[in-house]
């Protein structure tokens, strides 16, 4: 089971110039389409004199969705090359925008493809790429009599304790990488008096 993906730690920038045209590239870690819209609106205001604001994005950890936009450039000469770089770097939850200031000379189809691809790569190469893991979060409910056995499994399986409440009825929340979640669930289900339930998923940057 795939329980990790690659993204970037923080926004980054790049630049490319060809025959007078300037291509300013920007990369952002994102999680929603609404967030993407806000970033695009802000860049259009900041670069109101630019002729094109081309972009591509990928969202999702398991079922990835994506979009590419040429913003007036000839079909597939801008958004698609940008998207190709996201795929080449193997990144998701990321937006790349390339802002073009026209320099007076037409670059042609191959020139545009190269310019947008190179500008996108420049921003990505200037960014810190991170690996993010997907963890399942479980809650255990048990009596104090099961404490030793519960803690033995927690230590044995290297489970990450998130919260505890030790009383007559004890509760413990832990996270574990999704690929190991079924094994942990099976181990606790074996013991009478221990109730385990999955309550959510979380992501964290892998060390």
N, C-alpha and C. Protein backbone atom coordinates (compact mmCIF):
# COMPACT_ATOMS: atom_id res chain seq x y z
N UNK A 1 0.84 -1.20 0.00
CA UNK A 1 0.00 0.00 0.00
C UNK A 1 0.88 1.25 0.00
N UNK A 2 0.58 2.18 -0.90
CA UNK A 2 1.33 3.42 -0.95
C UNK A 2 0.86 4.34 0.17
N UNK A 3 1.76 4.68 1.07
CA UNK A 3 1.38 5.55 2.19
C UNK A 3 2.32 6.74 2.33
N UNK A 4 2.89 7.18 1.21
CA UNK A 4 3.73 8.37 1.22
C UNK A 4 3.68 9.05 -0.14
N UNK A 5 4.04 10.30 -0.16
CA UNK A 5 4.11 11.05 -1.42
C UNK A 5 5.15 12.15 -1.27
N UNK A 6 5.53 12.73 -2.40
CA UNK A 6 6.52 13.81 -2.40
C UNK A 6 5.85 15.14 -2.72
N UNK A 7 6.29 16.16 -2.00
CA UNK A 7 5.81 17.52 -2.25
C UNK A 7 6.97 18.47 -1.97
N UNK A 8 6.67 19.74 -1.72
CA UNK A 8 7.71 20.70 -1.36
C UNK A 8 7.41 21.29 0.01
N UNK A 9 8.45 21.75 0.68
CA UNK A 9 8.30 22.25 2.04
C UNK A 9 7.70 23.64 2.07
N UNK A 10 8.12 24.51 1.14
CA UNK A 10 7.65 25.90 1.15
C UNK A 10 7.72 26.47 -0.26
N UNK A 11 7.10 27.63 -0.50
CA UNK A 11 7.12 28.22 -1.84
C UNK A 11 8.53 28.49 -2.35
N UNK A 12 8.68 28.43 -3.67
CA UNK A 12 9.96 28.71 -4.30
C UNK A 12 9.78 29.46 -5.61
N UNK A 13 10.88 29.91 -6.19
CA UNK A 13 10.83 30.69 -7.43
C UNK A 13 11.91 30.26 -8.40
N UNK A 14 11.68 30.57 -9.67
CA UNK A 14 12.67 30.30 -10.71
C UNK A 14 12.54 31.35 -11.81
N UNK A 15 13.42 31.28 -12.79
CA UNK A 15 13.40 32.28 -13.87
C UNK A 15 14.04 31.71 -15.12
N UNK A 16 13.50 32.13 -16.29
CA UNK A 16 14.09 31.77 -17.58
C UNK A 16 13.84 32.91 -18.56
N UNK A 17 14.81 33.14 -19.43
CA UNK A 17 14.67 34.20 -20.43
C UNK A 17 15.06 33.67 -21.80
N UNK A 18 14.27 34.03 -22.81
CA UNK A 18 14.57 33.61 -24.18
C UNK A 18 14.13 34.70 -25.16
N UNK A 19 15.09 35.23 -25.89
CA UNK A 19 14.83 36.24 -26.94
C UNK A 19 13.92 37.38 -26.44
N UNK A 20 14.24 37.85 -25.27
CA UNK A 20 13.53 39.01 -24.73
C UNK A 20 12.35 38.67 -23.85
N UNK A 21 11.74 37.51 -24.05
CA UNK A 21 10.62 37.11 -23.18
C UNK A 21 11.15 36.62 -21.84
N UNK A 22 10.52 37.09 -20.76
CA UNK A 22 10.92 36.69 -19.42
C UNK A 22 9.86 35.79 -18.82
N UNK A 23 10.30 34.71 -18.20
CA UNK A 23 9.40 33.71 -17.61
C UNK A 23 9.73 33.59 -16.12
N UNK A 24 8.85 34.14 -15.29
CA UNK A 24 9.00 34.06 -13.84
C UNK A 24 8.17 32.87 -13.35
N UNK A 25 8.80 31.95 -12.66
CA UNK A 25 8.09 30.76 -12.20
C UNK A 25 7.97 30.74 -10.68
N UNK A 26 6.82 30.25 -10.24
CA UNK A 26 6.51 30.19 -8.81
C UNK A 26 5.93 28.82 -8.47
N UNK A 27 6.38 28.26 -7.37
CA UNK A 27 5.88 26.96 -6.94
C UNK A 27 5.37 27.07 -5.51
N UNK A 28 4.23 26.41 -5.25
CA UNK A 28 3.59 26.49 -3.94
C UNK A 28 3.11 25.11 -3.49
N UNK A 29 3.28 24.79 -2.20
CA UNK A 29 2.59 23.61 -1.66
C UNK A 29 1.13 24.00 -1.42
N UNK A 30 0.20 23.19 -1.88
CA UNK A 30 -1.23 23.50 -1.77
C UNK A 30 -2.00 22.25 -1.39
N UNK A 31 -3.22 22.47 -0.88
CA UNK A 31 -4.05 21.34 -0.48
C UNK A 31 -5.46 21.39 -1.06
N UNK A 32 -5.91 22.58 -1.52
CA UNK A 32 -7.27 22.70 -2.04
C UNK A 32 -7.29 23.55 -3.30
N UNK A 33 -8.34 23.38 -4.11
CA UNK A 33 -8.51 24.19 -5.30
C UNK A 33 -8.81 25.65 -4.95
N UNK A 34 -9.46 25.87 -3.82
CA UNK A 34 -9.73 27.24 -3.37
C UNK A 34 -8.43 27.97 -3.07
N UNK A 35 -7.50 27.27 -2.46
CA UNK A 35 -6.19 27.84 -2.16
C UNK A 35 -5.47 28.20 -3.46
N UNK A 36 -5.58 27.33 -4.45
CA UNK A 36 -4.96 27.57 -5.76
C UNK A 36 -5.55 28.82 -6.40
N UNK A 37 -6.86 28.95 -6.35
CA UNK A 37 -7.53 30.12 -6.93
C UNK A 37 -7.04 31.41 -6.29
N UNK A 38 -6.89 31.41 -4.98
CA UNK A 38 -6.42 32.61 -4.27
C UNK A 38 -5.00 32.99 -4.70
N UNK A 39 -4.14 31.99 -4.86
CA UNK A 39 -2.76 32.26 -5.29
C UNK A 39 -2.74 32.83 -6.69
N UNK A 40 -3.52 32.25 -7.60
CA UNK A 40 -3.57 32.74 -8.98
C UNK A 40 -4.09 34.17 -9.04
N UNK A 41 -5.11 34.47 -8.25
CA UNK A 41 -5.65 35.83 -8.22
C UNK A 41 -4.60 36.82 -7.74
N UNK A 42 -3.83 36.42 -6.73
CA UNK A 42 -2.80 37.31 -6.19
C UNK A 42 -1.68 37.55 -7.20
N UNK A 43 -1.27 36.49 -7.89
CA UNK A 43 -0.20 36.64 -8.88
C UNK A 43 -0.64 37.49 -10.06
N UNK A 44 -1.89 37.37 -10.46
CA UNK A 44 -2.39 38.20 -11.56
C UNK A 44 -2.37 39.68 -11.19
N UNK A 45 -2.63 39.98 -9.92
CA UNK A 45 -2.57 41.36 -9.46
C UNK A 45 -1.13 41.85 -9.39
N UNK A 46 -0.25 41.00 -8.89
CA UNK A 46 1.16 41.38 -8.75
C UNK A 46 1.82 41.55 -10.12
N UNK A 47 1.42 40.73 -11.09
CA UNK A 47 2.00 40.78 -12.44
C UNK A 47 0.92 41.19 -13.44
N UNK A 48 0.26 42.31 -13.16
CA UNK A 48 -0.86 42.74 -14.01
C UNK A 48 -0.40 43.12 -15.42
N UNK A 49 0.89 43.40 -15.59
CA UNK A 49 1.39 43.77 -16.91
C UNK A 49 1.85 42.59 -17.75
N UNK A 50 1.80 41.39 -17.19
CA UNK A 50 2.24 40.20 -17.92
C UNK A 50 1.17 39.74 -18.90
N UNK A 51 1.60 39.15 -19.99
CA UNK A 51 0.66 38.70 -21.01
C UNK A 51 0.03 37.35 -20.65
N UNK A 52 0.78 36.47 -20.01
CA UNK A 52 0.26 35.12 -19.71
C UNK A 52 0.61 34.70 -18.29
N UNK A 53 -0.34 34.01 -17.66
CA UNK A 53 -0.13 33.40 -16.34
C UNK A 53 -0.51 31.93 -16.48
N UNK A 54 0.43 31.13 -16.90
CA UNK A 54 0.17 29.71 -17.20
C UNK A 54 0.50 28.87 -15.97
N UNK A 55 -0.23 27.78 -15.81
CA UNK A 55 -0.02 27.00 -14.58
C UNK A 55 -0.42 25.54 -14.76
N UNK A 56 -0.01 24.75 -13.77
CA UNK A 56 -0.44 23.36 -13.64
C UNK A 56 -0.41 23.00 -12.17
N UNK A 57 -1.29 22.12 -11.77
CA UNK A 57 -1.30 21.66 -10.39
C UNK A 57 -1.69 20.19 -10.30
N UNK A 58 -1.27 19.58 -9.19
CA UNK A 58 -1.66 18.21 -8.86
C UNK A 58 -2.08 18.19 -7.39
N UNK A 59 -3.20 17.53 -7.10
CA UNK A 59 -3.72 17.44 -5.74
C UNK A 59 -4.07 15.99 -5.42
N UNK A 60 -3.85 15.61 -4.17
CA UNK A 60 -4.25 14.28 -3.72
C UNK A 60 -3.07 13.40 -3.39
N UNK A 61 -3.28 12.53 -2.39
CA UNK A 61 -2.23 11.63 -1.97
C UNK A 61 -2.37 10.25 -2.61
N UNK A 62 -3.61 9.80 -2.83
CA UNK A 62 -3.86 8.48 -3.40
C UNK A 62 -4.47 8.61 -4.79
N UNK A 63 -5.62 9.25 -4.87
CA UNK A 63 -6.26 9.50 -6.16
C UNK A 63 -5.92 10.92 -6.58
N UNK A 64 -4.89 11.07 -7.39
CA UNK A 64 -4.39 12.38 -7.77
C UNK A 64 -5.24 12.99 -8.89
N UNK A 65 -5.64 14.25 -8.69
CA UNK A 65 -6.31 15.00 -9.75
C UNK A 65 -5.35 16.11 -10.19
N UNK A 66 -5.52 16.58 -11.42
CA UNK A 66 -4.59 17.59 -11.93
C UNK A 66 -5.28 18.48 -12.96
N UNK A 67 -4.63 19.59 -13.24
CA UNK A 67 -5.12 20.50 -14.26
C UNK A 67 -3.95 21.30 -14.82
N UNK A 68 -4.05 21.64 -16.11
CA UNK A 68 -3.04 22.47 -16.76
C UNK A 68 -3.74 23.54 -17.57
N UNK A 69 -3.20 24.75 -17.58
CA UNK A 69 -3.84 25.87 -18.25
C UNK A 69 -2.81 26.66 -19.06
N UNK A 70 -3.11 26.88 -20.35
CA UNK A 70 -2.19 27.60 -21.24
C UNK A 70 -2.39 29.12 -21.19
N UNK A 71 -3.50 29.58 -20.63
CA UNK A 71 -3.79 31.01 -20.49
C UNK A 71 -3.47 31.83 -21.75
N UNK A 72 -3.99 31.36 -22.88
CA UNK A 72 -3.84 32.13 -24.11
C UNK A 72 -2.67 31.74 -25.00
N UNK A 73 -1.74 30.97 -24.47
CA UNK A 73 -0.65 30.47 -25.31
C UNK A 73 -1.22 29.37 -26.23
N UNK A 74 -0.56 29.06 -27.34
CA UNK A 74 -1.02 27.97 -28.21
C UNK A 74 -1.21 26.68 -27.43
N UNK A 75 -2.21 25.92 -27.80
CA UNK A 75 -2.60 24.71 -27.06
C UNK A 75 -1.41 23.79 -26.77
N UNK A 76 -1.30 23.40 -25.51
CA UNK A 76 -0.32 22.43 -25.02
C UNK A 76 1.13 22.92 -25.05
N UNK A 77 1.33 24.24 -25.19
CA UNK A 77 2.71 24.75 -25.20
C UNK A 77 3.15 25.29 -23.84
N UNK A 78 2.23 25.39 -22.90
CA UNK A 78 2.58 25.98 -21.60
C UNK A 78 2.16 25.10 -20.43
N UNK A 79 0.83 24.94 -20.24
CA UNK A 79 0.34 24.15 -19.11
C UNK A 79 0.84 22.72 -19.11
N UNK A 80 0.83 22.10 -20.28
CA UNK A 80 1.26 20.70 -20.37
C UNK A 80 2.74 20.51 -20.04
N UNK A 81 3.65 21.35 -20.56
CA UNK A 81 5.06 21.22 -20.16
C UNK A 81 5.28 21.44 -18.66
N UNK A 82 4.51 22.37 -18.08
CA UNK A 82 4.62 22.60 -16.63
C UNK A 82 4.17 21.36 -15.88
N UNK A 83 3.02 20.82 -16.27
CA UNK A 83 2.51 19.60 -15.64
C UNK A 83 3.50 18.45 -15.79
N UNK A 84 4.14 18.38 -16.95
CA UNK A 84 5.13 17.34 -17.18
C UNK A 84 6.26 17.37 -16.18
N UNK A 85 6.65 18.56 -15.75
CA UNK A 85 7.71 18.68 -14.75
C UNK A 85 7.24 18.20 -13.38
N UNK A 86 5.99 18.49 -13.03
CA UNK A 86 5.44 17.98 -11.76
C UNK A 86 5.46 16.46 -11.76
N UNK A 87 5.08 15.88 -12.89
CA UNK A 87 5.07 14.42 -13.00
C UNK A 87 6.49 13.86 -13.00
N UNK A 88 7.40 14.54 -13.68
CA UNK A 88 8.78 14.09 -13.74
C UNK A 88 9.43 14.09 -12.36
N UNK A 89 9.13 15.12 -11.55
CA UNK A 89 9.66 15.20 -10.19
C UNK A 89 8.89 14.30 -9.23
N UNK A 90 7.74 13.77 -9.67
CA UNK A 90 6.93 12.90 -8.83
C UNK A 90 6.26 13.61 -7.68
N UNK A 91 5.78 14.84 -7.92
CA UNK A 91 5.23 15.66 -6.84
C UNK A 91 3.71 15.77 -6.91
N UNK A 92 3.09 15.95 -5.74
CA UNK A 92 1.66 16.23 -5.67
C UNK A 92 1.41 17.26 -4.57
N UNK A 93 0.15 17.71 -4.48
CA UNK A 93 -0.21 18.81 -3.59
C UNK A 93 0.69 20.02 -3.85
N UNK A 94 0.71 20.40 -5.13
CA UNK A 94 1.65 21.43 -5.57
C UNK A 94 1.09 22.19 -6.76
N UNK A 95 1.39 23.47 -6.79
CA UNK A 95 1.00 24.36 -7.89
C UNK A 95 2.24 25.03 -8.44
N UNK A 96 2.36 25.06 -9.77
CA UNK A 96 3.43 25.82 -10.42
C UNK A 96 2.79 26.82 -11.39
N UNK A 97 3.17 28.07 -11.26
CA UNK A 97 2.69 29.13 -12.14
C UNK A 97 3.88 29.76 -12.83
N UNK A 98 3.78 29.93 -14.15
CA UNK A 98 4.83 30.60 -14.91
C UNK A 98 4.23 31.85 -15.55
N UNK A 99 4.76 33.01 -15.17
CA UNK A 99 4.28 34.30 -15.66
C UNK A 99 5.20 34.77 -16.78
N UNK A 100 4.61 35.06 -17.95
CA UNK A 100 5.43 35.46 -19.10
C UNK A 100 5.23 36.93 -19.44
N UNK A 101 6.34 37.63 -19.57
CA UNK A 101 6.36 38.98 -20.12
C UNK A 101 6.91 38.87 -21.54
N UNK A 102 6.08 39.21 -22.53
CA UNK A 102 6.45 39.04 -23.93
C UNK A 102 7.58 40.00 -24.31
N UNK A 103 8.58 39.45 -25.01
CA UNK A 103 9.75 40.25 -25.36
C UNK A 103 9.76 40.77 -26.77
N UNK A 104 8.67 40.56 -27.53
CA UNK A 104 8.59 41.10 -28.88
C UNK A 104 8.93 40.13 -29.98
N UNK A 105 9.50 38.98 -29.63
CA UNK A 105 9.86 37.98 -30.64
C UNK A 105 9.08 36.69 -30.38
N UNK A 106 8.41 36.18 -31.41
CA UNK A 106 7.69 34.92 -31.27
C UNK A 106 8.68 33.77 -31.11
N UNK A 107 8.38 32.87 -30.20
CA UNK A 107 9.30 31.76 -29.90
C UNK A 107 8.96 30.49 -30.66
N UNK A 108 7.76 30.42 -31.21
CA UNK A 108 7.36 29.20 -31.90
C UNK A 108 6.96 28.12 -30.91
N UNK A 109 6.34 27.07 -31.42
CA UNK A 109 5.84 26.00 -30.55
C UNK A 109 6.93 25.36 -29.71
N UNK A 110 8.01 24.95 -30.35
CA UNK A 110 9.10 24.28 -29.61
C UNK A 110 9.77 25.23 -28.62
N UNK A 111 9.89 26.49 -28.99
CA UNK A 111 10.50 27.47 -28.10
C UNK A 111 9.66 27.71 -26.87
N UNK A 112 8.33 27.76 -27.04
CA UNK A 112 7.43 27.96 -25.90
C UNK A 112 7.47 26.75 -24.96
N UNK A 113 7.39 25.56 -25.56
CA UNK A 113 7.43 24.35 -24.74
C UNK A 113 8.70 24.30 -23.91
N UNK A 114 9.83 24.60 -24.53
CA UNK A 114 11.11 24.59 -23.81
C UNK A 114 11.14 25.66 -22.72
N UNK A 115 10.62 26.83 -23.02
CA UNK A 115 10.64 27.93 -22.06
C UNK A 115 9.82 27.62 -20.81
N UNK A 116 8.60 27.14 -21.01
CA UNK A 116 7.73 26.85 -19.86
C UNK A 116 8.24 25.64 -19.07
N UNK A 117 8.77 24.66 -19.79
CA UNK A 117 9.32 23.49 -19.11
C UNK A 117 10.54 23.88 -18.28
N UNK A 118 11.43 24.68 -18.86
CA UNK A 118 12.65 25.08 -18.17
C UNK A 118 12.36 25.99 -16.99
N UNK A 119 11.42 26.92 -17.16
CA UNK A 119 11.05 27.82 -16.07
C UNK A 119 10.46 27.04 -14.90
N UNK A 120 9.57 26.08 -15.21
CA UNK A 120 8.97 25.25 -14.15
C UNK A 120 10.04 24.44 -13.43
N UNK A 121 10.95 23.84 -14.20
CA UNK A 121 12.03 23.05 -13.60
C UNK A 121 12.92 23.91 -12.71
N UNK A 122 13.15 25.16 -13.12
CA UNK A 122 13.98 26.06 -12.33
C UNK A 122 13.40 26.29 -10.94
N UNK A 123 12.08 26.52 -10.86
CA UNK A 123 11.44 26.74 -9.56
C UNK A 123 11.48 25.48 -8.71
N UNK A 124 11.26 24.33 -9.33
CA UNK A 124 11.25 23.07 -8.58
C UNK A 124 12.65 22.72 -8.08
N UNK A 125 13.65 22.98 -8.89
CA UNK A 125 15.02 22.69 -8.48
C UNK A 125 15.48 23.59 -7.34
N UNK A 126 14.86 24.77 -7.23
CA UNK A 126 15.20 25.70 -6.14
C UNK A 126 14.40 25.43 -4.87
N UNK A 127 13.56 24.40 -4.90
CA UNK A 127 12.69 24.11 -3.76
C UNK A 127 13.18 22.87 -3.01
N UNK A 128 12.87 22.82 -1.73
CA UNK A 128 13.21 21.65 -0.92
C UNK A 128 12.10 20.61 -1.05
N UNK A 129 12.44 19.49 -1.65
CA UNK A 129 11.46 18.41 -1.83
C UNK A 129 11.42 17.55 -0.58
N UNK A 130 10.21 17.24 -0.12
CA UNK A 130 10.04 16.46 1.11
C UNK A 130 9.20 15.22 0.82
N UNK A 131 9.35 14.22 1.67
CA UNK A 131 8.50 13.03 1.63
C UNK A 131 7.51 13.13 2.78
N UNK A 132 6.23 12.99 2.46
CA UNK A 132 5.17 13.07 3.46
C UNK A 132 4.54 11.69 3.61
N UNK A 133 4.39 11.22 4.84
CA UNK A 133 3.78 9.91 5.07
C UNK A 133 2.31 10.08 5.46
N UNK A 134 1.51 9.08 5.10
CA UNK A 134 0.10 9.05 5.46
C UNK A 134 -0.05 8.06 6.60
N UNK A 135 -0.53 8.53 7.73
CA UNK A 135 -0.71 7.69 8.92
C UNK A 135 -2.18 7.49 9.24
N UNK A 136 -2.50 6.32 9.75
CA UNK A 136 -3.84 6.06 10.30
C UNK A 136 -3.79 6.34 11.79
N UNK A 137 -4.87 6.93 12.31
CA UNK A 137 -4.96 7.24 13.74
C UNK A 137 -6.02 6.35 14.37
N UNK A 138 -5.64 5.65 15.45
CA UNK A 138 -6.54 4.73 16.14
C UNK A 138 -6.73 5.16 17.59
N UNK A 139 -7.88 4.76 18.14
CA UNK A 139 -8.14 4.95 19.58
C UNK A 139 -8.35 3.60 20.22
N UNK A 140 -7.63 3.34 21.30
CA UNK A 140 -7.80 2.12 22.08
C UNK A 140 -8.58 2.42 23.35
N UNK A 141 -9.49 1.54 23.70
CA UNK A 141 -10.21 1.63 24.97
C UNK A 141 -10.05 0.29 25.69
N UNK A 142 -9.62 0.32 26.95
CA UNK A 142 -9.34 -0.93 27.65
C UNK A 142 -9.33 -0.67 29.16
N UNK A 143 -9.36 -1.74 29.93
CA UNK A 143 -9.29 -1.59 31.38
C UNK A 143 -7.83 -1.55 31.83
N UNK A 144 -7.62 -1.14 33.05
CA UNK A 144 -6.26 -1.01 33.56
C UNK A 144 -5.54 -2.36 33.57
N UNK A 145 -6.30 -3.44 33.65
CA UNK A 145 -5.70 -4.78 33.68
C UNK A 145 -4.97 -5.12 32.38
N UNK A 146 -5.39 -4.51 31.29
CA UNK A 146 -4.75 -4.79 29.99
C UNK A 146 -3.59 -3.83 29.69
N UNK A 147 -3.27 -2.96 30.62
CA UNK A 147 -2.27 -1.92 30.39
C UNK A 147 -0.92 -2.49 29.92
N UNK A 148 -0.39 -3.47 30.62
CA UNK A 148 0.93 -3.99 30.28
C UNK A 148 0.97 -4.58 28.88
N UNK A 149 -0.08 -5.32 28.52
CA UNK A 149 -0.10 -5.95 27.20
C UNK A 149 -0.24 -4.91 26.10
N UNK A 150 -1.07 -3.89 26.34
CA UNK A 150 -1.24 -2.82 25.36
C UNK A 150 0.08 -2.09 25.14
N UNK A 151 0.76 -1.72 26.22
CA UNK A 151 2.01 -0.98 26.08
C UNK A 151 3.11 -1.84 25.45
N UNK A 152 3.05 -3.15 25.68
CA UNK A 152 4.03 -4.05 25.05
C UNK A 152 3.89 -4.00 23.52
N UNK A 153 2.64 -4.04 23.04
CA UNK A 153 2.42 -4.00 21.59
C UNK A 153 2.79 -2.64 21.03
N UNK A 154 2.45 -1.59 21.76
CA UNK A 154 2.79 -0.23 21.32
C UNK A 154 4.30 -0.10 21.11
N UNK A 155 5.07 -0.62 22.07
CA UNK A 155 6.53 -0.55 21.98
C UNK A 155 7.06 -1.47 20.88
N UNK A 156 6.52 -2.68 20.83
CA UNK A 156 6.97 -3.68 19.85
C UNK A 156 6.76 -3.21 18.42
N UNK A 157 5.63 -2.57 18.15
CA UNK A 157 5.28 -2.13 16.79
C UNK A 157 5.71 -0.69 16.52
N UNK A 158 6.37 -0.07 17.51
CA UNK A 158 6.87 1.31 17.35
C UNK A 158 5.74 2.27 16.97
N UNK A 159 4.62 2.17 17.67
CA UNK A 159 3.47 3.02 17.41
C UNK A 159 3.68 4.39 18.05
N UNK A 160 3.20 5.41 17.39
CA UNK A 160 3.39 6.78 17.86
C UNK A 160 2.21 7.20 18.74
N UNK A 161 2.44 7.31 20.03
CA UNK A 161 1.37 7.69 20.96
C UNK A 161 1.05 9.17 20.81
N UNK A 162 -0.24 9.47 20.61
CA UNK A 162 -0.68 10.85 20.44
C UNK A 162 -1.34 11.41 21.69
N UNK A 163 -2.05 10.54 22.43
CA UNK A 163 -2.79 11.01 23.60
C UNK A 163 -3.10 9.82 24.50
N UNK A 164 -3.11 10.04 25.80
CA UNK A 164 -3.44 8.97 26.74
C UNK A 164 -4.35 9.48 27.85
N UNK A 165 -5.12 8.55 28.40
CA UNK A 165 -5.95 8.85 29.56
C UNK A 165 -6.01 7.57 30.38
N UNK A 166 -5.24 7.53 31.47
CA UNK A 166 -5.13 6.32 32.27
C UNK A 166 -6.00 6.45 33.52
N UNK A 167 -7.14 5.80 33.48
CA UNK A 167 -8.05 5.75 34.63
C UNK A 167 -8.56 4.32 34.75
N UNK A 168 -9.70 4.13 35.40
CA UNK A 168 -10.27 2.78 35.49
C UNK A 168 -10.53 2.23 34.08
N UNK A 169 -11.08 3.09 33.20
CA UNK A 169 -11.18 2.79 31.78
C UNK A 169 -10.15 3.65 31.07
N UNK A 170 -9.19 3.02 30.44
CA UNK A 170 -8.08 3.75 29.82
C UNK A 170 -8.35 3.99 28.34
N UNK A 171 -7.80 5.09 27.87
CA UNK A 171 -7.87 5.40 26.43
C UNK A 171 -6.48 5.82 25.96
N UNK A 172 -6.14 5.36 24.77
CA UNK A 172 -4.85 5.70 24.17
C UNK A 172 -5.05 5.88 22.67
N UNK A 173 -4.57 7.01 22.15
CA UNK A 173 -4.62 7.25 20.72
C UNK A 173 -3.20 7.13 20.15
N UNK A 174 -3.10 6.46 19.02
CA UNK A 174 -1.79 6.32 18.40
C UNK A 174 -1.92 6.43 16.88
N UNK A 175 -0.80 6.75 16.25
CA UNK A 175 -0.75 6.78 14.79
C UNK A 175 0.27 5.77 14.30
N UNK A 176 0.04 5.28 13.09
CA UNK A 176 0.94 4.31 12.48
C UNK A 176 0.84 4.48 10.97
N UNK A 177 1.94 4.27 10.27
CA UNK A 177 1.90 4.38 8.82
C UNK A 177 0.82 3.46 8.26
N UNK A 178 0.13 3.96 7.26
CA UNK A 178 -1.05 3.26 6.75
C UNK A 178 -0.74 1.83 6.29
N UNK A 179 0.46 1.63 5.76
CA UNK A 179 0.83 0.30 5.29
C UNK A 179 0.94 -0.72 6.43
N UNK A 180 1.09 -0.22 7.67
CA UNK A 180 1.21 -1.11 8.83
C UNK A 180 -0.04 -1.08 9.71
N UNK A 181 -1.07 -0.36 9.26
CA UNK A 181 -2.26 -0.16 10.09
C UNK A 181 -3.03 -1.46 10.32
N UNK A 182 -3.19 -2.27 9.28
CA UNK A 182 -3.97 -3.51 9.42
C UNK A 182 -3.32 -4.47 10.40
N UNK A 183 -1.99 -4.53 10.38
CA UNK A 183 -1.29 -5.41 11.32
C UNK A 183 -1.53 -4.96 12.76
N UNK A 184 -1.42 -3.65 13.01
CA UNK A 184 -1.64 -3.14 14.37
C UNK A 184 -3.07 -3.41 14.82
N UNK A 185 -4.02 -3.19 13.92
CA UNK A 185 -5.43 -3.41 14.26
C UNK A 185 -5.67 -4.89 14.59
N UNK A 186 -5.05 -5.77 13.84
CA UNK A 186 -5.22 -7.21 14.06
C UNK A 186 -4.64 -7.63 15.41
N UNK A 187 -3.48 -7.08 15.77
CA UNK A 187 -2.85 -7.43 17.04
C UNK A 187 -3.74 -7.06 18.24
N UNK A 188 -4.33 -5.87 18.18
CA UNK A 188 -5.16 -5.45 19.31
C UNK A 188 -6.52 -6.15 19.31
N UNK A 189 -7.01 -6.52 18.16
CA UNK A 189 -8.30 -7.21 18.09
C UNK A 189 -8.24 -8.61 18.70
N UNK A 190 -7.04 -9.13 18.85
CA UNK A 190 -6.88 -10.47 19.42
C UNK A 190 -7.20 -10.52 20.91
N UNK A 191 -7.12 -9.37 21.57
CA UNK A 191 -7.23 -9.36 23.02
C UNK A 191 -8.63 -8.96 23.48
N UNK A 192 -9.24 -9.86 24.25
CA UNK A 192 -10.54 -9.56 24.84
C UNK A 192 -10.39 -8.42 25.85
N UNK A 193 -11.28 -7.45 25.77
CA UNK A 193 -11.20 -6.32 26.69
C UNK A 193 -10.52 -5.11 26.10
N UNK A 194 -9.97 -5.25 24.88
CA UNK A 194 -9.35 -4.12 24.20
C UNK A 194 -10.18 -3.78 22.96
N UNK A 195 -10.66 -2.57 22.90
CA UNK A 195 -11.44 -2.11 21.75
C UNK A 195 -10.58 -1.14 20.93
N UNK A 196 -10.50 -1.38 19.64
CA UNK A 196 -9.72 -0.50 18.78
C UNK A 196 -10.61 0.04 17.68
N UNK A 197 -10.50 1.32 17.39
CA UNK A 197 -11.28 1.94 16.31
C UNK A 197 -10.44 2.99 15.60
N UNK A 198 -10.54 2.99 14.27
CA UNK A 198 -9.84 3.99 13.48
C UNK A 198 -10.64 5.27 13.51
N UNK A 199 -10.00 6.38 13.83
CA UNK A 199 -10.73 7.63 13.97
C UNK A 199 -10.38 8.67 12.89
N UNK A 200 -9.22 8.56 12.26
CA UNK A 200 -8.88 9.53 11.23
C UNK A 200 -7.60 9.13 10.52
N UNK A 201 -7.17 10.01 9.58
CA UNK A 201 -5.88 9.89 8.95
C UNK A 201 -5.14 11.21 9.15
N UNK A 202 -3.83 11.14 9.11
CA UNK A 202 -3.03 12.35 9.26
C UNK A 202 -1.80 12.22 8.38
N UNK A 203 -1.19 13.35 8.05
CA UNK A 203 0.04 13.33 7.27
C UNK A 203 1.14 13.99 8.08
N UNK A 204 2.37 13.56 7.85
CA UNK A 204 3.50 14.18 8.53
C UNK A 204 4.74 14.08 7.63
N UNK A 205 5.64 15.00 7.79
CA UNK A 205 6.88 14.99 7.01
C UNK A 205 7.78 13.89 7.53
N UNK A 206 8.23 13.04 6.61
CA UNK A 206 9.10 11.94 7.00
C UNK A 206 10.50 12.48 7.32
N UNK A 207 11.11 12.01 8.39
CA UNK A 207 12.45 12.49 8.75
C UNK A 207 13.50 12.03 7.74
